[in-house]
Amino acid sequence: MQSLNHFDPHPSSAHVNPAQGGSEDFAGAKQKRDFNKLQKRLRREVGNAIIDYQMINEGDRIMVCLSGGKDSYTMLEILRNLQRNAPINFSLIAVNLDQKQPGFPEHVLPAYLDKQGVEYHIVERDTYSVVKEKTPEGKTTCALCSRLRRGSLYGFAEEIGANKIALGHHREDILETLFLNMFFGGSLKAMPPKLLSDDGKNMVIRPLAYCKEADIAEFSRLMEFPIIPCNLCGSQPNMQRQVVKEMLAEWDKNYPGRLESMFKAVTNIAPSQLADRSLFNFEGLEAKQAELMAGRIQAFNVG
């Protein structure tokens, strides 16, 4: 199966300028250079993630989940950009789940996608009412909302014949999930860049896995994406994820390079140095020791 093994994630052509443009004076020229550097960095990181985890293959039909936030807009834009230079053919279909939140601006995404010439679907599911009804007062809605949203999107992917589902989680999302699971779930797990769903029907990819949230935010600002805020999640006070996000931001500010090191650790695991008996055969260490010792030359017995 042909994949993006030989894909150049940062071609020298086809730069896209910021939406607001700018004059050709020094400041404007610098702004364009900075934007091109940022875009090339994001494109390189997405391309490397795709190659490292074999995310995209010849003929893939990829459902790009578009929420209206900075991450999913950036993911769609970078994937479209890479698609134009890829040595293989794959298609992108943007899908938005309209959860029927009060005040949701239904016209924004269709207008943007029509202007961009992107194939898309708007899936209407009233998960908002279900979440508000089932979630006790004072509790966060994220777990149930995420489960319902995931179920709706997975099912729709099958309907449109998409064999891959692209989600816009970035590097900080992965690290936040790692710490949330450690602090509150008692497990050492995060968000993998590529995931097979439990039922085996859906393949989930996270092309932004290597990308910094700050870069995505700046790219989104410069591109002037029509951001739609999530009033269901973002308005909740004292969310543990927000607490962890602030902790990581503080570390990044005071100890530059720490987040890079932590993310590298997620990709560089030594099961023998942890304590999960299902991942490493601790019971067999004595037998392994005996095998190794039997092959040694005993210096004191020579002669």
C-alpha atoms as a PDB file:
ATOM      1  CA  MET A   1       0.000   0.000   0.000  1.00  0.00           C
ATOM      2  CA  GLN A   2       1.516   3.311  -1.066  1.00  0.00           C
ATOM      3  CA  SER A   3       1.827   5.912   1.686  1.00  0.00           C
ATOM      4  CA  LEU A   4       3.505   9.244   2.351  1.00  0.00           C
ATOM      5  CA  ASN A   5       6.939   7.753   3.079  1.00  0.00           C
ATOM      6  CA  HIS A   6       8.560   9.928   0.400  1.00  0.00           C
ATOM      7  CA  PHE A   7       6.368  12.942   0.926  1.00  0.00           C
ATOM      8  CA  ASP A   8       8.163  16.292   1.240  1.00  0.00           C
ATOM      9  CA  PRO A   9       6.412  18.018   4.162  1.00  0.00           C
ATOM     10  CA  HIS A  10       7.876  21.432   3.369  1.00  0.00           C
ATOM     11  CA  PRO A  11       7.946  22.147  -0.375  1.00  0.00           C
ATOM     12  CA  SER A  12       9.367  25.493  -1.345  1.00  0.00           C
ATOM     13  CA  SER A  13       6.388  26.578  -3.416  1.00  0.00           C
ATOM     14  CA  ALA A  14       2.704  27.294  -2.841  1.00  0.00           C
ATOM     15  CA  HIS A  15       3.069  29.660   0.107  1.00  0.00           C
ATOM     16  CA  VAL A  16      -0.159  31.106   1.400  1.00  0.00           C
ATOM     17  CA  ASN A  17      -0.120  34.692   2.630  1.00  0.00           C
ATOM     18  CA  PRO A  18      -1.963  35.860   5.749  1.00  0.00           C
ATOM     19  CA  ALA A  19      -5.569  36.784   5.134  1.00  0.00           C
ATOM     20  CA  GLN A  20      -5.053  40.423   6.005  1.00  0.00           C
ATOM     21  CA  GLY A  21      -2.160  40.864   3.567  1.00  0.00           C
ATOM     22  CA  GLY A  22      -0.311  44.057   4.380  1.00  0.00           C
ATOM     23  CA  SER A  23       1.733  46.787   2.695  1.00  0.00           C
ATOM     24  CA  GLU A  24       5.032  46.096   1.007  1.00  0.00           C
ATOM     25  CA  ASP A  25       6.976  48.154   3.533  1.00  0.00           C
ATOM     26  CA  PHE A  26       9.505  46.625   5.889  1.00  0.00           C
ATOM     27  CA  ALA A  27       6.939  45.647   8.522  1.00  0.00           C
ATOM     28  CA  GLY A  28       4.711  44.038   5.907  1.00  0.00           C
ATOM     29  CA  ALA A  29       7.596  42.096   4.375  1.00  0.00           C
ATOM     30  CA  LYS A  30       8.695  40.870   7.806  1.00  0.00           C
ATOM     31  CA  GLN A  31       5.146  39.823   8.608  1.00  0.00           C
ATOM     32  CA  LYS A  32       5.018  37.744   5.428  1.00  0.00           C
ATOM     33  CA  ARG A  33       8.374  36.135   6.190  1.00  0.00           C
ATOM     34  CA  ASP A  34       7.277  35.293   9.711  1.00  0.00           C
ATOM     35  CA  PHE A  35       4.021  33.848   8.437  1.00  0.00           C
ATOM     36  CA  ASN A  36       5.778  31.713   5.834  1.00  0.00           C
ATOM     37  CA  LYS A  37       8.176  30.393   8.491  1.00  0.00           C
ATOM     38  CA  LEU A  38       5.243  29.546  10.762  1.00  0.00           C
ATOM     39  CA  GLN A  39       3.310  27.867   7.975  1.00  0.00           C
ATOM     40  CA  LYS A  40       6.344  25.850   6.866  1.00  0.00           C
ATOM     41  CA  ARG A  41       6.952  24.745  10.456  1.00  0.00           C
ATOM     42  CA  LEU A  42       3.363  23.558  10.889  1.00  0.00           C
ATOM     43  CA  ARG A  43       3.428  21.865   7.495  1.00  0.00           C
ATOM     44  CA  ARG A  44       6.715  20.135   8.343  1.00  0.00           C
ATOM     45  CA  GLU A  45       5.450  18.935  11.725  1.00  0.00           C
ATOM     46  CA  VAL A  46       2.175  17.643  10.282  1.00  0.00           C
ATOM     47  CA  GLY A  47       4.039  15.980   7.432  1.00  0.00           C
ATOM     48  CA  ASN A  48       6.475  14.317   9.821  1.00  0.00           C
ATOM     49  CA  ALA A  49       3.655  13.048  12.042  1.00  0.00           C
ATOM     50  CA  ILE A  50       1.868  11.624   8.993  1.00  0.00           C
ATOM     51  CA  ILE A  51       5.041   9.846   7.872  1.00  0.00           C
ATOM     52  CA  ASP A  52       6.091   8.618  11.332  1.00  0.00           C
ATOM     53  CA  TYR A  53       2.714   7.012  12.048  1.00  0.00           C
ATOM     54  CA  GLN A  54       1.688   6.087   8.480  1.00  0.00           C
ATOM     55  CA  MET A  55      -1.478   8.166   8.871  1.00  0.00           C
ATOM     56  CA  ILE A  56      -2.357   8.559   5.184  1.00  0.00           C
ATOM     57  CA  ASN A  57      -2.190   6.027   2.349  1.00  0.00           C
ATOM     58  CA  GLU A  58      -3.123   5.961  -1.320  1.00  0.00           C
ATOM     59  CA  GLY A  59      -6.876   6.298  -1.865  1.00  0.00           C
ATOM     60  CA  ASP A  60      -7.739   7.276   1.714  1.00  0.00           C
ATOM     61  CA  ARG A  61     -10.992   9.147   2.196  1.00  0.00           C
ATOM     62  CA  ILE A  62     -10.401  11.260   5.294  1.00  0.00           C
ATOM     63  CA  MET A  63     -13.176  12.806   7.336  1.00  0.00           C
ATOM     64  CA  VAL A  64     -11.756  16.006   8.833  1.00  0.00           C
ATOM     65  CA  CYS A  65     -13.717  16.847  11.981  1.00  0.00           C
ATOM     66  CA  LEU A  66     -14.261  20.603  11.975  1.00  0.00           C
ATOM     67  CA  SER A  67     -15.529  22.152  15.199  1.00  0.00           C
ATOM     68  CA  GLY A  68     -15.062  25.788  14.281  1.00  0.00           C
ATOM     69  CA  GLY A  69     -12.116  26.177  16.653  1.00  0.00           C
ATOM     70  CA  LYS A  70      -8.535  27.200  15.862  1.00  0.00           C
ATOM     71  CA  ASP A  71      -7.182  23.638  15.927  1.00  0.00           C
ATOM     72  CA  SER A  72      -9.568  22.065  13.436  1.00  0.00           C
ATOM     73  CA  TYR A  73      -9.392  25.040  11.055  1.00  0.00           C
ATOM     74  CA  THR A  74      -5.596  24.796  11.087  1.00  0.00           C
ATOM     75  CA  MET A  75      -5.691  21.029  10.580  1.00  0.00           C
ATOM     76  CA  LEU A  76      -7.955  21.369   7.546  1.00  0.00           C
ATOM     77  CA  GLU A  77      -5.850  24.154   6.024  1.00  0.00           C
ATOM     78  CA  ILE A  78      -2.538  22.322   6.478  1.00  0.00           C
ATOM     79  CA  LEU A  79      -3.934  19.020   5.187  1.00  0.00           C
ATOM     80  CA  ARG A  80      -5.306  20.769   2.105  1.00  0.00           C
ATOM     81  CA  ASN A  81      -1.943  22.414   1.583  1.00  0.00           C
ATOM     82  CA  LEU A  82      -0.104  19.104   1.891  1.00  0.00           C
ATOM     83  CA  GLN A  83      -2.630  17.366  -0.341  1.00  0.00           C
ATOM     84  CA  ARG A  84      -1.616  19.595  -3.244  1.00  0.00           C
ATOM     85  CA  ASN A  85       2.013  18.401  -2.981  1.00  0.00           C
ATOM     86  CA  ALA A  86       1.532  14.776  -1.951  1.00  0.00           C
ATOM     87  CA  PRO A  87       2.813  11.947  -4.193  1.00  0.00           C
ATOM     88  CA  ILE A  88      -0.376   9.997  -3.502  1.00  0.00           C
ATOM     89  CA  ASN A  89      -4.076  10.657  -3.960  1.00  0.00           C
ATOM     90  CA  PHE A  90      -6.372  11.067  -0.979  1.00  0.00           C
ATOM     91  CA  SER A  91      -9.572  13.012  -0.418  1.00  0.00           C
ATOM     92  CA  LEU A  92     -10.685  15.276   2.419  1.00  0.00           C
ATOM     93  CA  ILE A  93     -14.269  15.746   3.585  1.00  0.00           C
ATOM     94  CA  ALA A  94     -14.921  18.318   6.296  1.00  0.00           C
ATOM     95  CA  VAL A  95     -17.629  17.337   8.764  1.00  0.00           C
ATOM     96  CA  ASN A  96     -19.111  19.510  11.486  1.00  0.00           C
ATOM     97  CA  LEU A  97     -21.334  18.155  14.232  1.00  0.00           C
ATOM     98  CA  ASP A  98     -24.032  20.709  15.029  1.00  0.00           C
ATOM     99  CA  GLN A  99     -24.864  19.788  18.619  1.00  0.00           C
ATOM    100  CA  LYS A 100     -27.709  22.304  18.777  1.00  0.00           C
ATOM    101  CA  GLN A 101     -26.122  24.559  21.339  1.00  0.00           C
ATOM    102  CA  PRO A 102     -28.217  27.688  21.885  1.00  0.00           C
ATOM    103  CA  GLY A 103     -26.916  30.572  19.819  1.00  0.00           C
ATOM    104  CA  PHE A 104     -24.693  28.403  17.612  1.00  0.00           C
ATOM    105  CA  PRO A 105     -24.049  30.399  14.402  1.00  0.00           C
ATOM    106  CA  GLU A 106     -25.082  27.767  11.868  1.00  0.00           C
ATOM    107  CA  HIS A 107     -24.154  29.899   8.850  1.00  0.00           C
ATOM    108  CA  VAL A 108     -20.462  30.422   9.687  1.00  0.00           C
ATOM    109  CA  LEU A 109     -18.956  27.073   8.714  1.00  0.00           C
ATOM    110  CA  PRO A 110     -20.997  26.523   5.517  1.00  0.00           C
ATOM    111  CA  ALA A 111     -20.091  30.037   4.346  1.00  0.00           C
ATOM    112  CA  TYR A 112     -16.394  29.467   5.015  1.00  0.00           C
ATOM    113  CA  LEU A 113     -16.288  26.010   3.437  1.00  0.00           C
ATOM    114  CA  ASP A 114     -18.263  27.100   0.382  1.00  0.00           C
ATOM    115  CA  LYS A 115     -15.800  29.946  -0.137  1.00  0.00           C
ATOM    116  CA  GLN A 116     -12.848  27.543   0.192  1.00  0.00           C
ATOM    117  CA  GLY A 117     -14.406  25.009  -2.166  1.00  0.00           C
ATOM    118  CA  VAL A 118     -14.203  22.217   0.400  1.00  0.00           C
ATOM    119  CA  GLU A 119     -16.515  19.210   0.311  1.00  0.00           C
ATOM    120  CA  TYR A 120     -18.394  19.134   3.608  1.00  0.00           C
ATOM    121  CA  HIS A 121     -21.347  17.859   5.610  1.00  0.00           C
ATOM    122  CA  ILE A 122     -23.138  19.365   8.590  1.00  0.00           C
ATOM    123  CA  VAL A 123     -24.415  16.615  10.903  1.00  0.00           C
ATOM    124  CA  GLU A 124     -27.240  17.708  13.192  1.00  0.00           C
ATOM    125  CA  ARG A 125     -27.502  15.868  16.515  1.00  0.00           C
ATOM    126  CA  ASP A 126     -29.089  17.387  19.614  1.00  0.00           C
ATOM    127  CA  THR A 127     -26.432  16.106  22.006  1.00  0.00           C
ATOM    128  CA  TYR A 128     -26.544  19.425  23.884  1.00  0.00           C
ATOM    129  CA  SER A 129     -29.940  18.649  25.440  1.00  0.00           C
ATOM    130  CA  VAL A 130     -28.819  15.136  26.378  1.00  0.00           C
ATOM    131  CA  VAL A 131     -25.641  16.422  28.040  1.00  0.00           C
ATOM    132  CA  LYS A 132     -27.450  19.125  29.999  1.00  0.00           C
ATOM    133  CA  GLU A 133     -30.119  16.657  31.109  1.00  0.00           C
ATOM    134  CA  LYS A 134     -27.748  13.861  32.159  1.00  0.00           C
ATOM    135  CA  THR A 135     -24.952  15.891  33.768  1.00  0.00           C
ATOM    136  CA  PRO A 136     -25.490  16.662  37.489  1.00  0.00           C
ATOM    137  CA  GLU A 137     -25.314  20.285  38.562  1.00  0.00           C
ATOM    138  CA  GLY A 138     -21.743  21.386  39.137  1.00  0.00           C
ATOM    139  CA  LYS A 139     -20.199  18.493  37.202  1.00  0.00           C
ATOM    140  CA  THR A 140     -18.262  18.972  33.964  1.00  0.00           C
ATOM    141  CA  THR A 141     -19.961  17.978  30.742  1.00  0.00           C
ATOM    142  CA  CYS A 142     -16.823  16.991  28.825  1.00  0.00           C
ATOM    143  CA  ALA A 143     -16.869  13.212  29.343  1.00  0.00           C
ATOM    144  CA  LEU A 144     -20.455  12.669  28.196  1.00  0.00           C
ATOM    145  CA  CYS A 145     -20.256  15.316  25.483  1.00  0.00           C
ATOM    146  CA  SER A 146     -17.101  13.742  24.084  1.00  0.00           C
ATOM    147  CA  ARG A 147     -18.614  10.252  24.118  1.00  0.00           C
ATOM    148  CA  LEU A 148     -21.778  11.350  22.328  1.00  0.00           C
ATOM    149  CA  ARG A 149     -19.851  13.429  19.820  1.00  0.00           C
ATOM    150  CA  ARG A 150     -17.447  10.583  19.115  1.00  0.00           C
ATOM    151  CA  GLY A 151     -20.288   8.109  18.586  1.00  0.00           C
ATOM    152  CA  SER A 152     -22.063  10.436  16.172  1.00  0.00           C
ATOM    153  CA  LEU A 153     -18.924  11.155  14.146  1.00  0.00           C
ATOM    154  CA  TYR A 154     -17.812   7.518  14.019  1.00  0.00           C
ATOM    155  CA  GLY A 155     -21.198   6.478  12.705  1.00  0.00           C
ATOM    156  CA  PHE A 156     -21.275   9.225  10.104  1.00  0.00           C
ATOM    157  CA  ALA A 157     -17.801   8.282   8.849  1.00  0.00           C
ATOM    158  CA  GLU A 158     -19.197   4.885   7.898  1.00  0.00           C
ATOM    159  CA  GLU A 159     -22.150   6.526   6.129  1.00  0.00           C
ATOM    160  CA  ILE A 160     -19.921   8.597   3.832  1.00  0.00           C
ATOM    161  CA  GLY A 161     -17.337   5.864   3.282  1.00  0.00           C
ATOM    162  CA  ALA A 162     -14.498   7.599   5.134  1.00  0.00           C
ATOM    163  CA  ASN A 163     -11.795   5.158   6.233  1.00  0.00           C
ATOM    164  CA  LYS A 164      -9.884   7.685   8.363  1.00  0.00           C
ATOM    165  CA  ILE A 165     -11.117  10.263  10.888  1.00  0.00           C
ATOM    166  CA  ALA A 166      -8.835  13.264  11.494  1.00  0.00           C
ATOM    167  CA  LEU A 167      -9.073  15.033  14.847  1.00  0.00           C
ATOM    168  CA  GLY A 168      -7.395  18.335  15.681  1.00  0.00           C
ATOM    169  CA  HIS A 169      -5.604  17.441  18.922  1.00  0.00           C
ATOM    170  CA  HIS A 170      -2.166  19.046  19.250  1.00  0.00           C
ATOM    171  CA  ARG A 171       0.927  18.445  21.400  1.00  0.00           C
ATOM    172  CA  GLU A 172      -0.437  20.167  24.510  1.00  0.00           C
ATOM    173  CA  ASP A 173      -3.728  18.244  24.270  1.00  0.00           C
ATOM    174  CA  ILE A 174      -1.724  15.015  24.356  1.00  0.00           C
ATOM    175  CA  LEU A 175       0.353  16.108  27.354  1.00  0.00           C
ATOM    176  CA  GLU A 176      -2.696  17.412  29.217  1.00  0.00           C
ATOM    177  CA  THR A 177      -4.412  14.059  28.750  1.00  0.00           C
ATOM    178  CA  LEU A 178      -1.291  12.275  29.990  1.00  0.00           C
ATOM    179  CA  PHE A 179      -1.304  14.224  33.253  1.00  0.00           C
ATOM    180  CA  LEU A 180      -5.081  14.050  33.680  1.00  0.00           C
ATOM    181  CA  ASN A 181      -4.915  10.262  33.445  1.00  0.00           C
ATOM    182  CA  MET A 182      -2.005  10.114  35.885  1.00  0.00           C
ATOM    183  CA  PHE A 183      -3.523  12.523  38.409  1.00  0.00           C
ATOM    184  CA  PHE A 184      -7.153  11.402  38.279  1.00  0.00           C
ATOM    185  CA  GLY A 185      -7.337   8.113  36.367  1.00  0.00           C
ATOM    186  CA  GLY A 186      -4.450   6.128  37.786  1.00  0.00           C
ATOM    187  CA  SER A 187      -3.189   5.213  34.328  1.00  0.00           C
ATOM    188  CA  LEU A 188      -0.232   6.161  32.170  1.00  0.00           C
ATOM    189  CA  LYS A 189      -1.869   6.959  28.830  1.00  0.00           C
ATOM    190  CA  ALA A 190      -2.497   9.927  26.594  1.00  0.00           C
ATOM    191  CA  MET A 191      -3.810  10.419  23.048  1.00  0.00           C
ATOM    192  CA  PRO A 192      -1.959   8.373  20.416  1.00  0.00           C
ATOM    193  CA  PRO A 193      -1.298  10.026  17.043  1.00  0.00           C
ATOM    194  CA  LYS A 194      -3.064   7.068  15.424  1.00  0.00           C
ATOM    195  CA  LEU A 195      -5.776   4.931  16.995  1.00  0.00           C
ATOM    196  CA  LEU A 196      -8.003   2.028  16.002  1.00  0.00           C
ATOM    197  CA  SER A 197     -11.409   2.292  17.655  1.00  0.00           C
ATOM    198  CA  ASP A 198     -12.421  -0.435  20.094  1.00  0.00           C
ATOM    199  CA  ASP A 199     -14.841  -2.012  17.609  1.00  0.00           C
ATOM    200  CA  GLY A 200     -12.204  -1.994  14.867  1.00  0.00           C
ATOM    201  CA  LYS A 201     -14.386   0.003  12.481  1.00  0.00           C
ATOM    202  CA  ASN A 202     -12.703   3.404  12.606  1.00  0.00           C
ATOM    203  CA  MET A 203      -9.113   4.601  12.255  1.00  0.00           C
ATOM    204  CA  VAL A 204      -8.488   7.900  14.029  1.00  0.00           C
ATOM    205  CA  ILE A 205      -5.518  10.102  13.152  1.00  0.00           C
ATOM    206  CA  ARG A 206      -4.195  13.248  14.841  1.00  0.00           C
ATOM    207  CA  PRO A 207      -2.091  15.113  12.249  1.00  0.00           C
ATOM    208  CA  LEU A 208      -1.363  18.010  14.653  1.00  0.00           C
ATOM    209  CA  ALA A 209       0.260  15.723  17.239  1.00  0.00           C
ATOM    210  CA  TYR A 210       3.687  17.375  16.832  1.00  0.00           C
ATOM    211  CA  CYS A 211       2.368  20.959  16.686  1.00  0.00           C
ATOM    212  CA  LYS A 212       2.562  23.508  19.494  1.00  0.00           C
ATOM    213  CA  GLU A 213      -0.700  25.127  20.519  1.00  0.00           C
ATOM    214  CA  ALA A 214       0.911  28.587  20.428  1.00  0.00           C
ATOM    215  CA  ASP A 215       1.878  28.090  16.778  1.00  0.00           C
ATOM    216  CA  ILE A 216      -1.631  26.956  15.928  1.00  0.00           C
ATOM    217  CA  ALA A 217      -3.149  29.958  17.722  1.00  0.00           C
ATOM    218  CA  GLU A 218      -0.877  32.378  15.862  1.00  0.00           C
ATOM    219  CA  PHE A 219      -1.545  30.703  12.504  1.00  0.00           C
ATOM    220  CA  SER A 220      -5.278  30.859  13.161  1.00  0.00           C
ATOM    221  CA  ARG A 221      -5.047  34.544  14.054  1.00  0.00           C
ATOM    222  CA  LEU A 222      -3.101  35.408  10.919  1.00  0.00           C
ATOM    223  CA  MET A 223      -5.436  33.383   8.700  1.00  0.00           C
ATOM    224  CA  GLU A 224      -8.423  35.103  10.321  1.00  0.00           C
ATOM    225  CA  PHE A 225     -10.422  31.903  10.633  1.00  0.00           C
ATOM    226  CA  PRO A 226     -14.065  32.536  11.668  1.00  0.00           C
ATOM    227  CA  ILE A 227     -13.742  31.000  15.147  1.00  0.00           C
ATOM    228  CA  ILE A 228     -16.863  29.609  16.799  1.00  0.00           C
ATOM    229  CA  PRO A 229     -16.456  29.365  20.602  1.00  0.00           C
ATOM    230  CA  CYS A 230     -17.778  26.301  22.441  1.00  0.00           C
ATOM    231  CA  ASN A 231     -20.188  27.543  25.094  1.00  0.00           C
ATOM    232  CA  LEU A 232     -20.720  24.043  26.442  1.00  0.00           C
ATOM    233  CA  CYS A 233     -17.131  23.260  27.409  1.00  0.00           C
ATOM    234  CA  GLY A 234     -15.189  26.493  27.565  1.00  0.00           C
ATOM    235  CA  SER A 235     -17.572  28.216  29.960  1.00  0.00           C
ATOM    236  CA  GLN A 236     -17.247  25.615  32.726  1.00  0.00           C
ATOM    237  CA  PRO A 237     -15.377  26.782  35.849  1.00  0.00           C
ATOM    238  CA  ASN A 238     -12.679  24.760  37.652  1.00  0.00           C
ATOM    239  CA  MET A 239     -12.189  22.208  34.888  1.00  0.00           C
ATOM    240  CA  GLN A 240      -9.324  19.881  35.745  1.00  0.00           C
ATOM    241  CA  ARG A 241      -8.065  20.070  32.175  1.00  0.00           C
ATOM    242  CA  GLN A 242      -7.808  23.841  32.481  1.00  0.00           C
ATOM    243  CA  VAL A 243      -5.856  23.446  35.717  1.00  0.00           C
ATOM    244  CA  VAL A 244      -3.429  21.052  34.008  1.00  0.00           C
ATOM    245  CA  LYS A 245      -3.204  23.372  30.985  1.00  0.00           C
ATOM    246  CA  GLU A 246      -2.175  26.244  33.258  1.00  0.00           C
ATOM    247  CA  MET A 247       0.369  24.013  35.006  1.00  0.00           C
ATOM    248  CA  LEU A 248       1.983  23.071  31.674  1.00  0.00           C
ATOM    249  CA  ALA A 249       1.950  26.707  30.516  1.00  0.00           C
ATOM    250  CA  GLU A 250       3.747  27.724  33.719  1.00  0.00           C
ATOM    251  CA  TRP A 251       6.362  25.020  33.206  1.00  0.00           C
ATOM    252  CA  ASP A 252       6.851  26.060  29.595  1.00  0.00           C
ATOM    253  CA  LYS A 253       7.352  29.679  30.677  1.00  0.00           C
ATOM    254  CA  ASN A 254       9.758  28.974  33.538  1.00  0.00           C
ATOM    255  CA  TYR A 255      11.559  25.966  32.073  1.00  0.00           C
ATOM    256  CA  PRO A 256      11.871  26.319  28.285  1.00  0.00           C
ATOM    257  CA  GLY A 257      12.184  22.949  26.570  1.00  0.00           C
ATOM    258  CA  ARG A 258      10.363  20.994  29.284  1.00  0.00           C
ATOM    259  CA  LEU A 259       7.273  20.332  27.160  1.00  0.00           C
ATOM    260  CA  GLU A 260       9.440  19.170  24.275  1.00  0.00           C
ATOM    261  CA  SER A 261      11.210  16.762  26.623  1.00  0.00           C
ATOM    262  CA  MET A 262       7.931  15.476  28.062  1.00  0.00           C
ATOM    263  CA  PHE A 263       6.450  14.892  24.621  1.00  0.00           C
ATOM    264  CA  LYS A 264       9.590  13.043  23.582  1.00  0.00           C
ATOM    265  CA  ALA A 265       9.088  10.828  26.641  1.00  0.00           C
ATOM    266  CA  VAL A 266       5.621   9.890  25.360  1.00  0.00           C
ATOM    267  CA  THR A 267       7.282   8.508  22.229  1.00  0.00           C
ATOM    268  CA  ASN A 268      10.206   6.876  24.049  1.00  0.00           C
ATOM    269  CA  ILE A 269       8.785   4.384  26.553  1.00  0.00           C
ATOM    270  CA  ALA A 270      10.795   1.694  28.367  1.00  0.00           C
ATOM    271  CA  PRO A 271       8.282  -0.894  29.683  1.00  0.00           C
ATOM    272  CA  SER A 272      10.991  -2.678  31.698  1.00  0.00           C
ATOM    273  CA  GLN A 273      11.503   0.501  33.713  1.00  0.00           C
ATOM    274  CA  LEU A 274       7.858   0.839  34.712  1.00  0.00           C
ATOM    275  CA  ALA A 275       5.637  -1.625  36.585  1.00  0.00           C
ATOM    276  CA  ASP A 276       2.941  -2.834  34.194  1.00  0.00           C
ATOM    277  CA  ARG A 277       3.018  -6.653  34.300  1.00  0.00           C
ATOM    278  CA  SER A 278       0.954  -6.872  31.115  1.00  0.00           C
ATOM    279  CA  LEU A 279       3.646  -5.022  29.139  1.00  0.00           C
ATOM    280  CA  PHE A 280       6.761  -6.633  30.558  1.00  0.00           C
ATOM    281  CA  ASN A 281       7.501 -10.190  31.729  1.00  0.00           C
ATOM    282  CA  PHE A 282       8.825  -9.549  35.229  1.00  0.00           C
ATOM    283  CA  GLU A 283       8.195 -13.169  36.227  1.00  0.00           C
ATOM    284  CA  GLY A 284      10.532 -14.357  33.505  1.00  0.00           C
ATOM    285  CA  LEU A 285      13.537 -12.298  34.622  1.00  0.00           C
ATOM    286  CA  GLU A 286      15.098 -15.177  36.576  1.00  0.00           C
ATOM    287  CA  ALA A 287      14.930 -17.442  33.531  1.00  0.00           C
ATOM    288  CA  LYS A 288      16.425 -14.697  31.381  1.00  0.00           C
ATOM    289  CA  GLN A 289      19.189 -14.207  33.939  1.00  0.00           C
ATOM    290  CA  ALA A 290      19.997 -17.926  33.952  1.00  0.00           C
ATOM    291  CA  GLU A 291      20.108 -17.940  30.135  1.00  0.00           C
ATOM    292  CA  LEU A 292      22.476 -14.981  30.054  1.00  0.00           C
ATOM    293  CA  MET A 293      24.702 -16.407  32.771  1.00  0.00           C
ATOM    294  CA  ALA A 294      24.925 -19.783  31.016  1.00  0.00           C
ATOM    295  CA  GLY A 295      26.432 -18.101  27.988  1.00  0.00           C
ATOM    296  CA  ARG A 296      29.054 -16.178  29.920  1.00  0.00           C
ATOM    297  CA  ILE A 297      32.679 -17.205  30.069  1.00  0.00           C
ATOM    298  CA  GLN A 298      33.698 -17.507  33.691  1.00  0.00           C
ATOM    299  CA  ALA A 299      37.148 -15.933  33.831  1.00  0.00           C
ATOM    300  CA  PHE A 300      38.001 -17.703  37.102  1.00  0.00           C
ATOM    301  CA  ASN A 301      37.370 -21.147  35.590  1.00  0.00           C
ATOM    302  CA  VAL A 302      39.630 -20.674  32.570  1.00  0.00           C
ATOM    303  CA  GLY A 303      42.950 -22.565  32.490  1.00  0.00           C
END
